[in-house]
Amino acid sequence: MRTRLTLTLLLLLPFFTNAQSSMQRQMQASNAMLRQQNHMFLQQQQQQRALATMMNNIETKEEKLAKEEKKRTKLQEKTNQREADLKTKTEELKTLETNADTNATTLKAIEKSKKEVAKFEEKISQSKTEIEKSSNKIQDLQNQIQADKIKKEELEKKHEEEKKAKEEEKRLKEEEKAKKEKEKQDKKK
């Protein structure tokens, strides 16, 4: 009786080990598929975060651009006002010089007017350099915004391509799974 039991167990042992190894292979395949899905999900999340960051950068730079344009407009208005003031001061200086008497008060008024004209010219020069700096800054911001928009488009395109690839891979896996199921059913018949 013992020998028969031992012999039966020895005969059935290959079936048990085969079934166990088959289950291990299925588990490994399942785990590999889950790892791959997790990896793709993490990649997708990273791309979405990068896209959101890029959008935020673009919005921030556009806000800076608007502020800088506003600043440049104010500087231009200020410069125009200073130029108008300079024009009136130079006209006053010319009238003082044409109606010039040789007395001390008139000479002092002419000197004072010349100093004021020089101050206005200096302020106008400073304003023009500030406008130029502002214009350069605006140009840099516009270039950065354009570059960021191009990067954003590339990220979106890459995201779409990977999404399509993922859907295609999923479809192929489903077809393969259906094919295996069909083969199993055919074997059972």
N, C-alpha and C. Protein backbone atom coordinates (compact mmCIF):
# COMPACT_ATOMS: atom_id res chain seq x y z
N MET A 1 0.81 -1.17 0.00
CA MET A 1 0.00 0.00 0.00
C MET A 1 0.87 1.26 0.00
N ARG A 2 1.88 1.21 0.80
CA ARG A 2 2.79 2.35 0.87
C ARG A 2 3.51 2.55 -0.44
N THR A 3 3.92 1.52 -1.01
CA THR A 3 4.66 1.62 -2.27
C THR A 3 3.77 2.19 -3.37
N ARG A 4 2.50 1.76 -3.37
CA ARG A 4 1.59 2.31 -4.37
C ARG A 4 1.38 3.82 -4.17
N LEU A 5 1.22 4.20 -2.92
CA LEU A 5 1.04 5.62 -2.61
C LEU A 5 2.27 6.42 -3.02
N THR A 6 3.44 5.91 -2.72
CA THR A 6 4.69 6.57 -3.08
C THR A 6 4.83 6.64 -4.59
N LEU A 7 4.53 5.52 -5.24
CA LEU A 7 4.61 5.46 -6.69
C LEU A 7 3.62 6.44 -7.34
N THR A 8 2.41 6.51 -6.81
CA THR A 8 1.41 7.43 -7.34
C THR A 8 1.86 8.88 -7.16
N LEU A 9 2.42 9.18 -6.00
CA LEU A 9 2.92 10.54 -5.75
C LEU A 9 4.06 10.90 -6.70
N LEU A 10 4.93 9.93 -6.91
CA LEU A 10 6.04 10.18 -7.84
C LEU A 10 5.54 10.39 -9.27
N LEU A 11 4.50 9.68 -9.64
CA LEU A 11 3.95 9.87 -10.98
C LEU A 11 3.22 11.22 -11.13
N LEU A 12 2.59 11.65 -10.07
CA LEU A 12 1.85 12.91 -10.12
C LEU A 12 2.74 14.14 -9.87
N LEU A 13 3.92 13.95 -9.34
CA LEU A 13 4.83 15.05 -9.03
C LEU A 13 5.13 15.94 -10.25
N PRO A 14 5.41 15.39 -11.43
CA PRO A 14 5.67 16.27 -12.59
C PRO A 14 4.47 17.15 -12.95
N PHE A 15 3.26 16.63 -12.78
CA PHE A 15 2.08 17.45 -13.08
C PHE A 15 1.96 18.63 -12.13
N PHE A 16 2.23 18.39 -10.82
CA PHE A 16 2.17 19.47 -9.84
C PHE A 16 3.24 20.52 -10.10
N THR A 17 4.46 20.07 -10.38
CA THR A 17 5.54 21.02 -10.63
C THR A 17 5.28 21.80 -11.92
N ASN A 18 4.74 21.12 -12.93
CA ASN A 18 4.43 21.79 -14.20
C ASN A 18 3.35 22.85 -13.99
N ALA A 19 2.33 22.51 -13.22
CA ALA A 19 1.25 23.45 -12.95
C ALA A 19 1.77 24.64 -12.15
N GLN A 20 2.66 24.35 -11.19
CA GLN A 20 3.23 25.42 -10.37
C GLN A 20 4.10 26.35 -11.21
N SER A 21 4.93 25.80 -12.08
CA SER A 21 5.80 26.64 -12.90
C SER A 21 4.97 27.45 -13.91
N SER A 22 3.88 26.85 -14.40
CA SER A 22 3.00 27.57 -15.30
C SER A 22 2.37 28.76 -14.58
N MET A 23 1.95 28.57 -13.34
CA MET A 23 1.37 29.66 -12.55
C MET A 23 2.42 30.73 -12.27
N GLN A 24 3.66 30.30 -12.02
CA GLN A 24 4.72 31.27 -11.78
C GLN A 24 4.96 32.12 -13.02
N ARG A 25 4.95 31.49 -14.19
CA ARG A 25 5.15 32.23 -15.44
C ARG A 25 4.02 33.25 -15.65
N GLN A 26 2.80 32.82 -15.35
CA GLN A 26 1.67 33.74 -15.49
C GLN A 26 1.80 34.91 -14.51
N MET A 27 2.21 34.62 -13.30
CA MET A 27 2.39 35.68 -12.30
C MET A 27 3.50 36.64 -12.73
N GLN A 28 4.60 36.09 -13.24
CA GLN A 28 5.69 36.94 -13.68
C GLN A 28 5.26 37.83 -14.85
N ALA A 29 4.52 37.27 -15.77
CA ALA A 29 4.04 38.05 -16.91
C ALA A 29 3.08 39.15 -16.42
N SER A 30 2.23 38.80 -15.49
CA SER A 30 1.29 39.76 -14.93
C SER A 30 2.03 40.88 -14.20
N ASN A 31 3.03 40.51 -13.40
CA ASN A 31 3.82 41.51 -12.67
C ASN A 31 4.58 42.41 -13.63
N ALA A 32 5.13 41.85 -14.69
CA ALA A 32 5.86 42.65 -15.68
C ALA A 32 4.92 43.65 -16.35
N MET A 33 3.73 43.18 -16.65
CA MET A 33 2.75 44.07 -17.29
C MET A 33 2.35 45.20 -16.33
N LEU A 34 2.16 44.87 -15.05
CA LEU A 34 1.81 45.90 -14.07
C LEU A 34 2.94 46.91 -13.89
N ARG A 35 4.19 46.42 -13.86
CA ARG A 35 5.34 47.32 -13.74
C ARG A 35 5.39 48.28 -14.93
N GLN A 36 5.17 47.73 -16.10
CA GLN A 36 5.20 48.55 -17.31
C GLN A 36 4.08 49.60 -17.29
N GLN A 37 2.89 49.18 -16.85
CA GLN A 37 1.78 50.13 -16.76
C GLN A 37 2.08 51.23 -15.75
N ASN A 38 2.65 50.85 -14.61
CA ASN A 38 3.02 51.84 -13.60
C ASN A 38 4.06 52.82 -14.14
N HIS A 39 5.04 52.29 -14.85
CA HIS A 39 6.08 53.13 -15.43
C HIS A 39 5.48 54.12 -16.43
N MET A 40 4.60 53.64 -17.27
CA MET A 40 3.97 54.52 -18.26
C MET A 40 3.09 55.57 -17.57
N PHE A 41 2.40 55.17 -16.51
CA PHE A 41 1.56 56.10 -15.77
C PHE A 41 2.42 57.21 -15.15
N LEU A 42 3.56 56.81 -14.56
CA LEU A 42 4.46 57.80 -13.96
C LEU A 42 5.01 58.74 -15.02
N GLN A 43 5.36 58.20 -16.18
CA GLN A 43 5.84 59.04 -17.28
C GLN A 43 4.77 60.04 -17.70
N GLN A 44 3.56 59.57 -17.79
CA GLN A 44 2.45 60.43 -18.19
C GLN A 44 2.25 61.56 -17.16
N GLN A 45 2.35 61.22 -15.89
CA GLN A 45 2.21 62.23 -14.84
C GLN A 45 3.32 63.27 -14.93
N GLN A 46 4.56 62.80 -15.17
CA GLN A 46 5.68 63.73 -15.31
C GLN A 46 5.47 64.67 -16.48
N GLN A 47 4.98 64.15 -17.57
CA GLN A 47 4.73 64.98 -18.74
C GLN A 47 3.64 66.01 -18.46
N GLN A 48 2.61 65.58 -17.75
CA GLN A 48 1.54 66.51 -17.41
C GLN A 48 2.05 67.62 -16.49
N ARG A 49 2.91 67.25 -15.53
CA ARG A 49 3.49 68.26 -14.64
C ARG A 49 4.38 69.22 -15.43
N ALA A 50 5.19 68.67 -16.34
CA ALA A 50 6.06 69.51 -17.16
C ALA A 50 5.23 70.47 -18.02
N LEU A 51 4.13 69.97 -18.54
CA LEU A 51 3.24 70.80 -19.36
C LEU A 51 2.61 71.91 -18.52
N ALA A 52 2.17 71.57 -17.31
CA ALA A 52 1.58 72.58 -16.42
C ALA A 52 2.62 73.63 -16.03
N THR A 53 3.84 73.19 -15.75
CA THR A 53 4.92 74.12 -15.41
C THR A 53 5.21 75.05 -16.58
N MET A 54 5.23 74.49 -17.78
CA MET A 54 5.49 75.29 -18.97
C MET A 54 4.40 76.34 -19.16
N MET A 55 3.15 75.94 -18.96
CA MET A 55 2.04 76.89 -19.09
C MET A 55 2.17 78.01 -18.05
N ASN A 56 2.54 77.64 -16.83
CA ASN A 56 2.72 78.63 -15.77
C ASN A 56 3.84 79.60 -16.13
N ASN A 57 4.95 79.07 -16.66
CA ASN A 57 6.07 79.93 -17.08
C ASN A 57 5.63 80.91 -18.15
N ILE A 58 4.87 80.43 -19.11
CA ILE A 58 4.41 81.30 -20.19
C ILE A 58 3.52 82.40 -19.64
N GLU A 59 2.59 82.04 -18.77
CA GLU A 59 1.69 83.04 -18.18
C GLU A 59 2.47 84.07 -17.38
N THR A 60 3.44 83.62 -16.59
CA THR A 60 4.24 84.53 -15.78
C THR A 60 5.01 85.50 -16.68
N LYS A 61 5.61 84.97 -17.73
CA LYS A 61 6.39 85.83 -18.63
C LYS A 61 5.49 86.80 -19.39
N GLU A 62 4.29 86.37 -19.72
CA GLU A 62 3.36 87.28 -20.39
C GLU A 62 2.93 88.41 -19.45
N GLU A 63 2.77 88.09 -18.17
CA GLU A 63 2.45 89.14 -17.19
C GLU A 63 3.60 90.13 -17.06
N LYS A 64 4.84 89.59 -17.00
CA LYS A 64 6.01 90.46 -16.93
C LYS A 64 6.09 91.34 -18.17
N LEU A 65 5.79 90.75 -19.31
CA LEU A 65 5.82 91.49 -20.57
C LEU A 65 4.81 92.64 -20.54
N ALA A 66 3.61 92.37 -20.06
CA ALA A 66 2.59 93.42 -19.98
C ALA A 66 3.03 94.55 -19.05
N LYS A 67 3.62 94.20 -17.91
CA LYS A 67 4.11 95.21 -16.96
C LYS A 67 5.21 96.05 -17.60
N GLU A 68 6.11 95.38 -18.29
CA GLU A 68 7.23 96.08 -18.91
C GLU A 68 6.75 97.01 -20.03
N GLU A 69 5.76 96.58 -20.78
CA GLU A 69 5.20 97.44 -21.83
C GLU A 69 4.52 98.66 -21.23
N LYS A 70 3.83 98.45 -20.11
CA LYS A 70 3.19 99.56 -19.41
C LYS A 70 4.25 100.55 -18.91
N LYS A 71 5.32 99.99 -18.37
CA LYS A 71 6.42 100.82 -17.87
C LYS A 71 7.04 101.64 -19.00
N ARG A 72 7.26 101.00 -20.14
CA ARG A 72 7.84 101.69 -21.29
C ARG A 72 6.92 102.81 -21.78
N THR A 73 5.62 102.54 -21.79
CA THR A 73 4.66 103.57 -22.20
C THR A 73 4.73 104.78 -21.27
N LYS A 74 4.78 104.53 -19.97
CA LYS A 74 4.88 105.63 -19.01
C LYS A 74 6.18 106.41 -19.22
N LEU A 75 7.27 105.68 -19.47
CA LEU A 75 8.56 106.35 -19.70
C LEU A 75 8.50 107.22 -20.96
N GLN A 76 7.85 106.73 -21.98
CA GLN A 76 7.73 107.50 -23.21
C GLN A 76 6.91 108.77 -22.99
N GLU A 77 5.82 108.63 -22.23
CA GLU A 77 4.99 109.80 -21.92
C GLU A 77 5.79 110.82 -21.11
N LYS A 78 6.56 110.31 -20.15
CA LYS A 78 7.38 111.18 -19.32
C LYS A 78 8.44 111.89 -20.16
N THR A 79 9.04 111.16 -21.08
CA THR A 79 10.06 111.74 -21.96
C THR A 79 9.44 112.81 -22.85
N ASN A 80 8.26 112.52 -23.39
CA ASN A 80 7.58 113.51 -24.22
C ASN A 80 7.28 114.78 -23.42
N GLN A 81 6.85 114.62 -22.18
CA GLN A 81 6.57 115.78 -21.33
C GLN A 81 7.85 116.56 -21.06
N ARG A 82 8.93 115.85 -20.79
CA ARG A 82 10.22 116.53 -20.54
C ARG A 82 10.71 117.27 -21.79
N GLU A 83 10.50 116.65 -22.94
CA GLU A 83 10.90 117.32 -24.19
C GLU A 83 10.09 118.60 -24.41
N ALA A 84 8.80 118.54 -24.07
CA ALA A 84 7.97 119.75 -24.19
C ALA A 84 8.44 120.81 -23.22
N ASP A 85 8.77 120.40 -21.98
CA ASP A 85 9.29 121.35 -20.99
C ASP A 85 10.62 121.93 -21.44
N LEU A 86 11.45 121.10 -22.03
CA LEU A 86 12.75 121.56 -22.54
C LEU A 86 12.54 122.62 -23.62
N LYS A 87 11.59 122.35 -24.47
CA LYS A 87 11.30 123.29 -25.57
C LYS A 87 10.89 124.66 -25.01
N THR A 88 10.03 124.64 -24.00
CA THR A 88 9.60 125.92 -23.41
C THR A 88 10.76 126.61 -22.71
N LYS A 89 11.61 125.84 -22.03
CA LYS A 89 12.76 126.44 -21.34
C LYS A 89 13.75 127.02 -22.33
N THR A 90 13.98 126.34 -23.44
CA THR A 90 14.90 126.88 -24.45
C THR A 90 14.33 128.14 -25.08
N GLU A 91 13.02 128.18 -25.27
CA GLU A 91 12.39 129.39 -25.80
C GLU A 91 12.52 130.55 -24.81
N GLU A 92 12.34 130.22 -23.52
CA GLU A 92 12.52 131.26 -22.49
C GLU A 92 13.95 131.77 -22.50
N LEU A 93 14.91 130.83 -22.65
CA LEU A 93 16.32 131.21 -22.69
C LEU A 93 16.60 132.11 -23.89
N LYS A 94 16.05 131.77 -25.03
CA LYS A 94 16.25 132.59 -26.25
C LYS A 94 15.67 134.00 -26.07
N THR A 95 14.49 134.05 -25.47
CA THR A 95 13.89 135.38 -25.26
C THR A 95 14.71 136.20 -24.27
N LEU A 96 15.26 135.51 -23.25
CA LEU A 96 16.11 136.22 -22.29
C LEU A 96 17.38 136.72 -22.98
N GLU A 97 17.94 135.89 -23.84
CA GLU A 97 19.18 136.27 -24.52
C GLU A 97 18.94 137.40 -25.53
N THR A 98 17.79 137.37 -26.20
CA THR A 98 17.52 138.44 -27.18
C THR A 98 17.18 139.76 -26.50
N ASN A 99 16.53 139.68 -25.38
CA ASN A 99 16.18 140.90 -24.64
C ASN A 99 17.20 141.18 -23.55
N ALA A 100 18.38 140.65 -23.71
CA ALA A 100 19.39 140.71 -22.65
C ALA A 100 19.88 142.12 -22.40
N ASP A 101 19.82 142.46 -21.17
CA ASP A 101 20.48 143.67 -20.70
C ASP A 101 21.79 143.22 -20.09
N THR A 102 22.64 144.10 -19.84
CA THR A 102 23.92 143.74 -19.26
C THR A 102 23.88 143.79 -17.74
N ASN A 103 22.71 143.94 -17.17
CA ASN A 103 22.68 143.99 -15.71
C ASN A 103 22.81 142.59 -15.12
N ALA A 104 23.14 142.52 -13.87
CA ALA A 104 23.47 141.27 -13.18
C ALA A 104 22.28 140.34 -13.04
N THR A 105 21.10 140.87 -12.78
CA THR A 105 19.93 140.01 -12.59
C THR A 105 19.56 139.29 -13.89
N THR A 106 19.68 139.93 -15.00
CA THR A 106 19.36 139.30 -16.27
C THR A 106 20.40 138.22 -16.60
N LEU A 107 21.66 138.49 -16.32
CA LEU A 107 22.71 137.50 -16.55
C LEU A 107 22.52 136.27 -15.66
N LYS A 108 22.12 136.53 -14.40
CA LYS A 108 21.84 135.42 -13.49
C LYS A 108 20.64 134.59 -13.98
N ALA A 109 19.64 135.25 -14.49
CA ALA A 109 18.46 134.55 -15.01
C ALA A 109 18.84 133.70 -16.23
N ILE A 110 19.73 134.24 -17.06
CA ILE A 110 20.18 133.48 -18.25
C ILE A 110 20.98 132.26 -17.81
N GLU A 111 21.88 132.42 -16.84
CA GLU A 111 22.66 131.29 -16.32
C GLU A 111 21.75 130.22 -15.70
N LYS A 112 20.80 130.69 -14.93
CA LYS A 112 19.84 129.76 -14.30
C LYS A 112 19.05 129.01 -15.37
N SER A 113 18.63 129.68 -16.38
CA SER A 113 17.86 129.07 -17.47
C SER A 113 18.72 128.05 -18.22
N LYS A 114 20.00 128.39 -18.42
CA LYS A 114 20.92 127.45 -19.10
C LYS A 114 21.11 126.18 -18.28
N LYS A 115 21.21 126.32 -16.97
CA LYS A 115 21.35 125.15 -16.09
C LYS A 115 20.10 124.26 -16.14
N GLU A 116 18.94 124.93 -16.14
CA GLU A 116 17.68 124.18 -16.22
C GLU A 116 17.57 123.43 -17.55
N VAL A 117 17.97 124.06 -18.62
CA VAL A 117 17.95 123.41 -19.94
C VAL A 117 18.89 122.20 -19.92
N ALA A 118 20.08 122.36 -19.33
CA ALA A 118 21.03 121.25 -19.25
C ALA A 118 20.46 120.09 -18.43
N LYS A 119 19.77 120.44 -17.31
CA LYS A 119 19.14 119.40 -16.48
C LYS A 119 18.07 118.64 -17.26
N PHE A 120 17.25 119.38 -17.99
CA PHE A 120 16.20 118.74 -18.78
C PHE A 120 16.80 117.84 -19.86
N GLU A 121 17.87 118.30 -20.49
CA GLU A 121 18.52 117.48 -21.51
C GLU A 121 19.09 116.20 -20.91
N GLU A 122 19.66 116.32 -19.71
CA GLU A 122 20.20 115.14 -19.02
C GLU A 122 19.07 114.16 -18.65
N LYS A 123 17.97 114.68 -18.13
CA LYS A 123 16.83 113.83 -17.77
C LYS A 123 16.25 113.13 -18.99
N ILE A 124 16.16 113.86 -20.10
CA ILE A 124 15.65 113.27 -21.34
C ILE A 124 16.59 112.15 -21.80
N SER A 125 17.88 112.38 -21.70
CA SER A 125 18.86 111.36 -22.09
C SER A 125 18.71 110.10 -21.22
N GLN A 126 18.53 110.31 -19.91
CA GLN A 126 18.33 109.17 -19.00
C GLN A 126 17.04 108.43 -19.34
N SER A 127 16.00 109.17 -19.62
CA SER A 127 14.71 108.55 -19.96
C SER A 127 14.84 107.71 -21.23
N LYS A 128 15.58 108.24 -22.22
CA LYS A 128 15.74 107.50 -23.47
C LYS A 128 16.55 106.22 -23.25
N THR A 129 17.56 106.25 -22.39
CA THR A 129 18.30 105.01 -22.11
C THR A 129 17.42 104.01 -21.37
N GLU A 130 16.56 104.51 -20.46
CA GLU A 130 15.63 103.62 -19.75
C GLU A 130 14.63 103.00 -20.72
N ILE A 131 14.16 103.79 -21.68
CA ILE A 131 13.23 103.27 -22.70
C ILE A 131 13.92 102.19 -23.53
N GLU A 132 15.17 102.44 -23.88
CA GLU A 132 15.92 101.45 -24.67
C GLU A 132 16.11 100.15 -23.88
N LYS A 133 16.46 100.28 -22.60
CA LYS A 133 16.59 99.09 -21.74
C LYS A 133 15.27 98.33 -21.66
N SER A 134 14.21 99.08 -21.48
CA SER A 134 12.88 98.47 -21.39
C SER A 134 12.52 97.76 -22.70
N SER A 135 12.83 98.39 -23.81
CA SER A 135 12.55 97.77 -25.12
C SER A 135 13.34 96.47 -25.28
N ASN A 136 14.60 96.48 -24.86
CA ASN A 136 15.42 95.26 -24.92
C ASN A 136 14.83 94.16 -24.03
N LYS A 137 14.40 94.56 -22.84
CA LYS A 137 13.80 93.58 -21.92
C LYS A 137 12.52 93.00 -22.51
N ILE A 138 11.72 93.86 -23.15
CA ILE A 138 10.48 93.39 -23.78
C ILE A 138 10.80 92.40 -24.89
N GLN A 139 11.82 92.71 -25.70
CA GLN A 139 12.21 91.81 -26.79
C GLN A 139 12.68 90.47 -26.24
N ASP A 140 13.47 90.50 -25.15
CA ASP A 140 13.92 89.24 -24.53
C ASP A 140 12.75 88.42 -24.02
N LEU A 141 11.80 89.08 -23.37
CA LEU A 141 10.63 88.36 -22.85
C LEU A 141 9.81 87.76 -23.99
N GLN A 142 9.66 88.50 -25.08
CA GLN A 142 8.92 87.97 -26.22
C GLN A 142 9.63 86.75 -26.80
N ASN A 143 10.95 86.80 -26.87
CA ASN A 143 11.72 85.65 -27.37
C ASN A 143 11.57 84.45 -26.44
N GLN A 144 11.62 84.70 -25.14
CA GLN A 144 11.47 83.60 -24.17
C GLN A 144 10.08 82.99 -24.25
N ILE A 145 9.08 83.83 -24.39
CA ILE A 145 7.70 83.32 -24.49
C ILE A 145 7.56 82.46 -25.74
N GLN A 146 8.11 82.93 -26.84
CA GLN A 146 8.03 82.17 -28.09
C GLN A 146 8.73 80.82 -27.94
N ALA A 147 9.92 80.82 -27.31
CA ALA A 147 10.65 79.56 -27.11
C ALA A 147 9.86 78.62 -26.20
N ASP A 148 9.25 79.16 -25.15
CA ASP A 148 8.46 78.33 -24.24
C ASP A 148 7.23 77.75 -24.94
N LYS A 149 6.62 78.54 -25.82
CA LYS A 149 5.46 78.03 -26.55
C LYS A 149 5.86 76.89 -27.48
N ILE A 150 7.03 77.00 -28.09
CA ILE A 150 7.52 75.93 -28.96
C ILE A 150 7.78 74.67 -28.13
N LYS A 151 8.41 74.84 -26.96
CA LYS A 151 8.65 73.69 -26.08
C LYS A 151 7.34 73.04 -25.65
N LYS A 152 6.36 73.89 -25.34
CA LYS A 152 5.04 73.38 -24.91
C LYS A 152 4.41 72.55 -26.03
N GLU A 153 4.48 73.06 -27.24
CA GLU A 153 3.92 72.33 -28.38
C GLU A 153 4.63 70.98 -28.56
N GLU A 154 5.95 70.99 -28.40
CA GLU A 154 6.70 69.73 -28.52
C GLU A 154 6.29 68.75 -27.44
N LEU A 155 6.12 69.24 -26.22
CA LEU A 155 5.69 68.37 -25.12
C LEU A 155 4.29 67.80 -25.39
N GLU A 156 3.40 68.65 -25.89
CA GLU A 156 2.05 68.18 -26.19
C GLU A 156 2.08 67.12 -27.29
N LYS A 157 2.90 67.35 -28.30
CA LYS A 157 3.00 66.40 -29.40
C LYS A 157 3.57 65.07 -28.90
N LYS A 158 4.61 65.15 -28.06
CA LYS A 158 5.22 63.94 -27.51
C LYS A 158 4.20 63.19 -26.64
N HIS A 159 3.45 63.94 -25.86
CA HIS A 159 2.43 63.35 -24.99
C HIS A 159 1.38 62.62 -25.82
N GLU A 160 0.94 63.23 -26.90
CA GLU A 160 -0.06 62.61 -27.78
C GLU A 160 0.50 61.34 -28.43
N GLU A 161 1.75 61.41 -28.88
CA GLU A 161 2.36 60.24 -29.52
C GLU A 161 2.45 59.07 -28.54
N GLU A 162 2.87 59.37 -27.31
CA GLU A 162 2.98 58.31 -26.31
C GLU A 162 1.60 57.77 -25.94
N LYS A 163 0.62 58.64 -25.91
CA LYS A 163 -0.74 58.20 -25.61
C LYS A 163 -1.24 57.25 -26.70
N LYS A 164 -0.98 57.60 -27.96
CA LYS A 164 -1.37 56.74 -29.07
C LYS A 164 -0.63 55.41 -29.01
N ALA A 165 0.67 55.46 -28.70
CA ALA A 165 1.46 54.24 -28.60
C ALA A 165 0.92 53.35 -27.47
N LYS A 166 0.56 53.96 -26.37
CA LYS A 166 0.02 53.21 -25.24
C LYS A 166 -1.30 52.54 -25.62
N GLU A 167 -2.15 53.29 -26.31
CA GLU A 167 -3.44 52.73 -26.74
C GLU A 167 -3.23 51.59 -27.73
N GLU A 168 -2.29 51.75 -28.63
CA GLU A 168 -1.98 50.70 -29.61
C GLU A 168 -1.44 49.45 -28.90
N GLU A 169 -0.56 49.67 -27.93
CA GLU A 169 0.00 48.54 -27.18
C GLU A 169 -1.10 47.83 -26.40
N LYS A 170 -1.99 48.59 -25.82
CA LYS A 170 -3.10 48.01 -25.06
C LYS A 170 -4.00 47.20 -25.99
N ARG A 171 -4.27 47.73 -27.16
CA ARG A 171 -5.10 47.03 -28.13
C ARG A 171 -4.43 45.71 -28.55
N LEU A 172 -3.12 45.76 -28.80
CA LEU A 172 -2.41 44.55 -29.21
C LEU A 172 -2.42 43.50 -28.09
N LYS A 173 -2.25 43.95 -26.85
CA LYS A 173 -2.28 43.02 -25.73
C LYS A 173 -3.66 42.38 -25.59
N GLU A 174 -4.69 43.17 -25.79
CA GLU A 174 -6.05 42.63 -25.71
C GLU A 174 -6.29 41.61 -26.82
N GLU A 175 -5.80 41.91 -28.01
CA GLU A 175 -5.93 40.95 -29.11
C GLU A 175 -5.17 39.67 -28.81
N GLU A 176 -3.96 39.81 -28.26
CA GLU A 176 -3.16 38.64 -27.91
C GLU A 176 -3.84 37.82 -26.82
N LYS A 177 -4.41 38.51 -25.85
CA LYS A 177 -5.11 37.83 -24.76
C LYS A 177 -6.32 37.08 -25.31
N ALA A 178 -7.06 37.72 -26.19
CA ALA A 178 -8.23 37.07 -26.79
C ALA A 178 -7.80 35.85 -27.62
N LYS A 179 -6.68 35.99 -28.31
CA LYS A 179 -6.15 34.88 -29.11
C LYS A 179 -5.78 33.70 -28.21
N LYS A 180 -5.14 33.99 -27.09
CA LYS A 180 -4.75 32.92 -26.15
C LYS A 180 -5.99 32.25 -25.57
N GLU A 181 -6.98 33.05 -25.23
CA GLU A 181 -8.22 32.50 -24.70
C GLU A 181 -8.87 31.57 -25.72
N LYS A 182 -8.85 31.99 -26.96
CA LYS A 182 -9.44 31.18 -28.03
C LYS A 182 -8.67 29.86 -28.18
N GLU A 183 -7.33 29.93 -28.10
CA GLU A 183 -6.51 28.72 -28.19
C GLU A 183 -6.80 27.78 -27.03
N LYS A 184 -6.98 28.34 -25.84
CA LYS A 184 -7.30 27.51 -24.67
C LYS A 184 -8.63 26.81 -24.87
N GLN A 185 -9.60 27.54 -25.38
CA GLN A 185 -10.91 26.95 -25.61
C GLN A 185 -10.83 25.88 -26.69
N ASP A 186 -10.01 26.10 -27.72
CA ASP A 186 -9.83 25.11 -28.76
C ASP A 186 -9.18 23.84 -28.21
N LYS A 187 -8.22 24.01 -27.31
CA LYS A 187 -7.55 22.85 -26.71
C LYS A 187 -8.50 22.04 -25.83
N LYS A 188 -9.39 22.75 -25.15
CA LYS A 188 -10.33 22.05 -24.29
C LYS A 188 -11.30 21.22 -25.09
N LYS A 189 -11.60 21.61 -26.29
CA LYS A 189 -12.54 20.88 -27.13
C LYS A 189 -11.84 19.70 -27.67
